[in-house]
Amino acid sequence: MKAILIIGDGMADRAVKELGWRSPLEAADKPSIDELARAGMCGLMSVSYTHLRAHETSLHLVCR
C-alpha cells in the first residue's frame, strides 16, 4: 500500500473576528490541501516497533 502522510504540525490557530470567526487556515485559499482532505481518508493503523534498537524510542521514528 502506498500512502502519503501529511503532518500539519503548527497549523492550529484561533478563530479571528476579522475572518468571520474562522481560523487563518480555514480562511486561506488552499485548493490542493482541500482536495487531499476531500479525497483522502482518516483512520488508525497498528504500528510495530520491533525494528528499533534498544536505545531508540518511538520518538526516533524518521524516514531513513
PDB file of N, CA and C in Angstrom:
ATOM      1  N   MET A   1       0.844  -1.186   0.000  1.00  0.00           N
ATOM      2  CA  MET A   1       0.000   0.000   0.000  1.00  0.00           C
ATOM      3  C   MET A   1       0.881   1.237   0.000  1.00  0.00           C
ATOM      4  N   LYS A   2       0.632   2.127  -0.924  1.00  0.00           N
ATOM      5  CA  LYS A   2       1.351   3.395  -0.968  1.00  0.00           C
ATOM      6  C   LYS A   2       0.514   4.444  -0.254  1.00  0.00           C
ATOM      7  N   ALA A   3       1.183   5.305   0.490  1.00  0.00           N
ATOM      8  CA  ALA A   3       0.458   6.334   1.239  1.00  0.00           C
ATOM      9  C   ALA A   3       1.320   7.579   1.370  1.00  0.00           C
ATOM     10  N   ILE A   4       0.669   8.674   1.572  1.00  0.00           N
ATOM     11  CA  ILE A   4       1.333   9.937   1.886  1.00  0.00           C
ATOM     12  C   ILE A   4       0.826  10.365   3.245  1.00  0.00           C
ATOM     13  N   LEU A   5       1.736  10.676   4.139  1.00  0.00           N
ATOM     14  CA  LEU A   5       1.380  11.144   5.470  1.00  0.00           C
ATOM     15  C   LEU A   5       1.723  12.618   5.553  1.00  0.00           C
ATOM     16  N   ILE A   6       0.723  13.426   5.798  1.00  0.00           N
ATOM     17  CA  ILE A   6       0.936  14.865   5.946  1.00  0.00           C
ATOM     18  C   ILE A   6       0.705  15.211   7.410  1.00  0.00           C
ATOM     19  N   ILE A   7       1.730  15.748   8.034  1.00  0.00           N
ATOM     20  CA  ILE A   7       1.625  16.145   9.435  1.00  0.00           C
ATOM     21  C   ILE A   7       1.492  17.662   9.464  1.00  0.00           C
ATOM     22  N   GLY A   8       0.320  18.115   9.835  1.00  0.00           N
ATOM     23  CA  GLY A   8       0.036  19.553   9.853  1.00  0.00           C
ATOM     24  C   GLY A   8       0.441  20.194  11.162  1.00  0.00           C
ATOM     25  N   ASP A   9       1.648  19.936  11.618  1.00  0.00           N
ATOM     26  CA  ASP A   9       2.108  20.478  12.891  1.00  0.00           C
ATOM     27  C   ASP A   9       2.193  22.000  12.804  1.00  0.00           C
ATOM     28  N   GLY A  10       1.616  22.663  13.775  1.00  0.00           N
ATOM     29  CA  GLY A  10       1.653  24.112  13.816  1.00  0.00           C
ATOM     30  C   GLY A  10       0.551  24.785  13.015  1.00  0.00           C
ATOM     31  N   MET A  11      -0.373  24.024  12.463  1.00  0.00           N
ATOM     32  CA  MET A  11      -1.433  24.606  11.639  1.00  0.00           C
ATOM     33  C   MET A  11      -2.627  25.080  12.465  1.00  0.00           C
ATOM     34  N   ALA A  12      -2.684  24.663  13.707  1.00  0.00           N
ATOM     35  CA  ALA A  12      -3.818  25.076  14.549  1.00  0.00           C
ATOM     36  C   ALA A  12      -3.702  26.562  14.870  1.00  0.00           C
ATOM     37  N   ASP A  13      -4.818  27.200  14.976  1.00  0.00           N
ATOM     38  CA  ASP A  13      -4.835  28.628  15.291  1.00  0.00           C
ATOM     39  C   ASP A  13      -6.196  28.970  15.876  1.00  0.00           C
ATOM     40  N   ARG A  14      -6.321  30.173  16.326  1.00  0.00           N
ATOM     41  CA  ARG A  14      -7.589  30.615  16.916  1.00  0.00           C
ATOM     42  C   ARG A  14      -8.449  31.326  15.869  1.00  0.00           C
ATOM     43  N   ALA A  15      -9.746  31.265  16.092  1.00  0.00           N
ATOM     44  CA  ALA A  15     -10.674  31.985  15.220  1.00  0.00           C
ATOM     45  C   ALA A  15     -10.474  33.483  15.397  1.00  0.00           C
ATOM     46  N   VAL A  16     -10.614  34.205  14.291  1.00  0.00           N
ATOM     47  CA  VAL A  16     -10.378  35.650  14.286  1.00  0.00           C
ATOM     48  C   VAL A  16     -11.663  36.345  13.839  1.00  0.00           C
ATOM     49  N   LYS A  17     -12.034  37.376  14.575  1.00  0.00           N
ATOM     50  CA  LYS A  17     -13.267  38.111  14.276  1.00  0.00           C
ATOM     51  C   LYS A  17     -13.256  38.663  12.853  1.00  0.00           C
ATOM     52  N   GLU A  18     -12.098  39.214  12.419  1.00  0.00           N
ATOM     53  CA  GLU A  18     -11.986  39.825  11.089  1.00  0.00           C
ATOM     54  C   GLU A  18     -12.142  38.797   9.961  1.00  0.00           C
ATOM     55  N   LEU A  19     -11.995  37.542  10.270  1.00  0.00           N
ATOM     56  CA  LEU A  19     -12.141  36.484   9.264  1.00  0.00           C
ATOM     57  C   LEU A  19     -13.476  35.766   9.410  1.00  0.00           C
ATOM     58  N   GLY A  20     -14.432  36.418  10.037  1.00  0.00           N
ATOM     59  CA  GLY A  20     -15.752  35.807  10.220  1.00  0.00           C
ATOM     60  C   GLY A  20     -15.720  34.648  11.199  1.00  0.00           C
ATOM     61  N   TRP A  21     -14.884  34.804  12.219  1.00  0.00           N
ATOM     62  CA  TRP A  21     -14.723  33.777  13.256  1.00  0.00           C
ATOM     63  C   TRP A  21     -14.206  32.456  12.691  1.00  0.00           C
ATOM     64  N   ARG A  22     -13.401  32.553  11.631  1.00  0.00           N
ATOM     65  CA  ARG A  22     -12.690  31.393  11.107  1.00  0.00           C
ATOM     66  C   ARG A  22     -11.214  31.537  11.462  1.00  0.00           C
ATOM     67  N   SER A  23     -10.517  30.428  11.485  1.00  0.00           N
ATOM     68  CA  SER A  23      -9.073  30.493  11.725  1.00  0.00           C
ATOM     69  C   SER A  23      -8.388  30.914  10.423  1.00  0.00           C
ATOM     70  N   PRO A  24      -7.150  31.392  10.490  1.00  0.00           N
ATOM     71  CA  PRO A  24      -6.437  31.739   9.263  1.00  0.00           C
ATOM     72  C   PRO A  24      -6.344  30.561   8.285  1.00  0.00           C
ATOM     73  N   LEU A  25      -6.198  29.347   8.790  1.00  0.00           N
ATOM     74  CA  LEU A  25      -6.137  28.181   7.910  1.00  0.00           C
ATOM     75  C   LEU A  25      -7.471  27.945   7.214  1.00  0.00           C
ATOM     76  N   GLU A  26      -8.573  28.116   7.937  1.00  0.00           N
ATOM     77  CA  GLU A  26      -9.898  27.956   7.319  1.00  0.00           C
ATOM     78  C   GLU A  26     -10.131  29.011   6.248  1.00  0.00           C
ATOM     79  N   ALA A  27      -9.631  30.216   6.464  1.00  0.00           N
ATOM     80  CA  ALA A  27      -9.876  31.326   5.543  1.00  0.00           C
ATOM     81  C   ALA A  27      -8.906  31.329   4.355  1.00  0.00           C
ATOM     82  N   ALA A  28      -7.793  30.634   4.466  1.00  0.00           N
ATOM     83  CA  ALA A  28      -6.782  30.651   3.409  1.00  0.00           C
ATOM     84  C   ALA A  28      -7.278  29.945   2.147  1.00  0.00           C
ATOM     85  N   ASP A  29      -6.773  30.380   0.998  1.00  0.00           N
ATOM     86  CA  ASP A  29      -7.070  29.724  -0.271  1.00  0.00           C
ATOM     87  C   ASP A  29      -6.037  28.613  -0.453  1.00  0.00           C
ATOM     88  N   LYS A  30      -6.459  27.377  -0.270  1.00  0.00           N
ATOM     89  CA  LYS A  30      -5.554  26.222  -0.301  1.00  0.00           C
ATOM     90  C   LYS A  30      -6.208  25.060  -1.038  1.00  0.00           C
ATOM     91  N   PRO A  31      -6.457  25.207  -2.339  1.00  0.00           N
ATOM     92  CA  PRO A  31      -7.199  24.181  -3.078  1.00  0.00           C
ATOM     93  C   PRO A  31      -6.536  22.802  -3.063  1.00  0.00           C
ATOM     94  N   SER A  32      -5.212  22.741  -3.097  1.00  0.00           N
ATOM     95  CA  SER A  32      -4.541  21.434  -3.122  1.00  0.00           C
ATOM     96  C   SER A  32      -4.756  20.675  -1.821  1.00  0.00           C
ATOM     97  N   ILE A  33      -4.595  21.349  -0.703  1.00  0.00           N
ATOM     98  CA  ILE A  33      -4.800  20.698   0.601  1.00  0.00           C
ATOM     99  C   ILE A  33      -6.265  20.334   0.777  1.00  0.00           C
ATOM    100  N   ASP A  34      -7.163  21.211   0.342  1.00  0.00           N
ATOM    101  CA  ASP A  34      -8.601  20.915   0.453  1.00  0.00           C
ATOM    102  C   ASP A  34      -8.959  19.665  -0.356  1.00  0.00           C
ATOM    103  N   GLU A  35      -8.390  19.517  -1.563  1.00  0.00           N
ATOM    104  CA  GLU A  35      -8.681  18.340  -2.382  1.00  0.00           C
ATOM    105  C   GLU A  35      -8.097  17.077  -1.754  1.00  0.00           C
ATOM    106  N   LEU A  36      -6.906  17.155  -1.192  1.00  0.00           N
ATOM    107  CA  LEU A  36      -6.338  15.999  -0.498  1.00  0.00           C
ATOM    108  C   LEU A  36      -7.220  15.575   0.668  1.00  0.00           C
ATOM    109  N   ALA A  37      -7.754  16.538   1.387  1.00  0.00           N
ATOM    110  CA  ALA A  37      -8.628  16.224   2.522  1.00  0.00           C
ATOM    111  C   ALA A  37      -9.925  15.575   2.043  1.00  0.00           C
ATOM    112  N   ARG A  38     -10.488  16.079   0.939  1.00  0.00           N
ATOM    113  CA  ARG A  38     -11.728  15.505   0.407  1.00  0.00           C
ATOM    114  C   ARG A  38     -11.512  14.081  -0.105  1.00  0.00           C
ATOM    115  N   ALA A  39     -10.426  13.863  -0.812  1.00  0.00           N
ATOM    116  CA  ALA A  39     -10.183  12.562  -1.444  1.00  0.00           C
ATOM    117  C   ALA A  39      -9.503  11.558  -0.517  1.00  0.00           C
ATOM    118  N   GLY A  40      -8.953  12.032   0.573  1.00  0.00           N
ATOM    119  CA  GLY A  40      -8.213  11.154   1.469  1.00  0.00           C
ATOM    120  C   GLY A  40      -9.107  10.426   2.449  1.00  0.00           C
ATOM    121  N   MET A  41      -8.456   9.758   3.375  1.00  0.00           N
ATOM    122  CA  MET A  41      -9.197   9.054   4.409  1.00  0.00           C
ATOM    123  C   MET A  41      -8.431   9.153   5.711  1.00  0.00           C
ATOM    124  N   CYS A  42      -9.158   9.082   6.788  1.00  0.00           N
ATOM    125  CA  CYS A  42      -8.569   9.123   8.118  1.00  0.00           C
ATOM    126  C   CYS A  42      -8.771   7.767   8.768  1.00  0.00           C
ATOM    127  N   GLY A  43      -7.893   7.431   9.656  1.00  0.00           N
ATOM    128  CA  GLY A  43      -8.062   6.167  10.350  1.00  0.00           C
ATOM    129  C   GLY A  43      -6.897   5.881  11.267  1.00  0.00           C
ATOM    130  N   LEU A  44      -6.943   4.730  11.855  1.00  0.00           N
ATOM    131  CA  LEU A  44      -5.888   4.263  12.751  1.00  0.00           C
ATOM    132  C   LEU A  44      -5.228   3.048  12.132  1.00  0.00           C
ATOM    133  N   MET A  45      -3.962   2.851  12.441  1.00  0.00           N
ATOM    134  CA  MET A  45      -3.293   1.648  11.987  1.00  0.00           C
ATOM    135  C   MET A  45      -2.328   1.178  13.051  1.00  0.00           C
ATOM    136  N   SER A  46      -2.128  -0.102  13.092  1.00  0.00           N
ATOM    137  CA  SER A  46      -1.197  -0.682  14.051  1.00  0.00           C
ATOM    138  C   SER A  46       0.228  -0.434  13.569  1.00  0.00           C
ATOM    139  N   VAL A  47       1.098  -0.155  14.515  1.00  0.00           N
ATOM    140  CA  VAL A  47       2.497   0.108  14.196  1.00  0.00           C
ATOM    141  C   VAL A  47       3.356  -0.858  14.997  1.00  0.00           C
ATOM    142  N   SER A  48       4.352  -1.421  14.356  1.00  0.00           N
ATOM    143  CA  SER A  48       5.278  -2.330  15.026  1.00  0.00           C
ATOM    144  C   SER A  48       6.598  -1.616  15.245  1.00  0.00           C
ATOM    145  N   TYR A  49       7.104  -1.654  16.458  1.00  0.00           N
ATOM    146  CA  TYR A  49       8.375  -1.033  16.782  1.00  0.00           C
ATOM    147  C   TYR A  49       9.480  -2.073  16.942  1.00  0.00           C
ATOM    148  N   THR A  50       9.297  -3.268  16.419  1.00  0.00           N
ATOM    149  CA  THR A  50      10.272  -4.336  16.622  1.00  0.00           C
ATOM    150  C   THR A  50      11.597  -4.065  15.912  1.00  0.00           C
ATOM    151  N   HIS A  51      11.617  -3.162  14.953  1.00  0.00           N
ATOM    152  CA  HIS A  51      12.847  -2.855  14.227  1.00  0.00           C
ATOM    153  C   HIS A  51      13.737  -1.869  14.968  1.00  0.00           C
ATOM    154  N   LEU A  52      13.269  -1.303  16.070  1.00  0.00           N
ATOM    155  CA  LEU A  52      14.054  -0.313  16.803  1.00  0.00           C
ATOM    156  C   LEU A  52      15.140  -0.986  17.624  1.00  0.00           C
ATOM    157  N   ARG A  53      16.282  -0.342  17.697  1.00  0.00           N
ATOM    158  CA  ARG A  53      17.349  -0.830  18.565  1.00  0.00           C
ATOM    159  C   ARG A  53      17.008  -0.461  20.001  1.00  0.00           C
ATOM    160  N   ALA A  54      17.702  -1.047  20.947  1.00  0.00           N
ATOM    161  CA  ALA A  54      17.379  -0.884  22.368  1.00  0.00           C
ATOM    162  C   ALA A  54      17.382   0.575  22.816  1.00  0.00           C
ATOM    163  N   HIS A  55      18.236   1.412  22.256  1.00  0.00           N
ATOM    164  CA  HIS A  55      18.330   2.803  22.696  1.00  0.00           C
ATOM    165  C   HIS A  55      17.352   3.724  21.976  1.00  0.00           C
ATOM    166  N   GLU A  56      16.633   3.224  21.011  1.00  0.00           N
ATOM    167  CA  GLU A  56      15.683   4.054  20.277  1.00  0.00           C
ATOM    168  C   GLU A  56      14.285   3.956  20.884  1.00  0.00           C
ATOM    169  N   THR A  57      13.520   5.004  20.698  1.00  0.00           N
ATOM    170  CA  THR A  57      12.121   5.017  21.135  1.00  0.00           C
ATOM    171  C   THR A  57      11.266   5.416  19.949  1.00  0.00           C
ATOM    172  N   SER A  58       9.970   5.429  20.150  1.00  0.00           N
ATOM    173  CA  SER A  58       9.083   5.850  19.067  1.00  0.00           C
ATOM    174  C   SER A  58       9.308   7.298  18.668  1.00  0.00           C
ATOM    175  N   LEU A  59       9.980   8.094  19.520  1.00  0.00           N
ATOM    176  CA  LEU A  59      10.277   9.489  19.182  1.00  0.00           C
ATOM    177  C   LEU A  59      11.335   9.576  18.098  1.00  0.00           C
ATOM    178  N   HIS A  60      12.061   8.499  17.871  1.00  0.00           N
ATOM    179  CA  HIS A  60      13.123   8.483  16.880  1.00  0.00           C
ATOM    180  C   HIS A  60      12.661   7.969  15.517  1.00  0.00           C
ATOM    181  N   LEU A  61      11.363   7.774  15.349  1.00  0.00           N
ATOM    182  CA  LEU A  61      10.875   7.254  14.072  1.00  0.00           C
ATOM    183  C   LEU A  61      10.968   8.337  13.018  1.00  0.00           C
ATOM    184  N   VAL A  62      11.862   8.172  12.099  1.00  0.00           N
ATOM    185  CA  VAL A  62      12.051   9.122  10.994  1.00  0.00           C
ATOM    186  C   VAL A  62      12.269   8.316   9.725  1.00  0.00           C
ATOM    187  N   CYS A  63      12.127   8.964   8.603  1.00  0.00           N
ATOM    188  CA  CYS A  63      12.414   8.285   7.334  1.00  0.00           C
ATOM    189  C   CYS A  63      13.923   8.116   7.214  1.00  0.00           C
ATOM    190  N   ARG A  64      14.342   6.911   6.916  1.00  0.00           N
ATOM    191  CA  ARG A  64      15.789   6.649   6.763  1.00  0.00           C
ATOM    192  C   ARG A  64      16.064   6.146   5.387  1.00  0.00           C
TER     193      ARG A  64
END
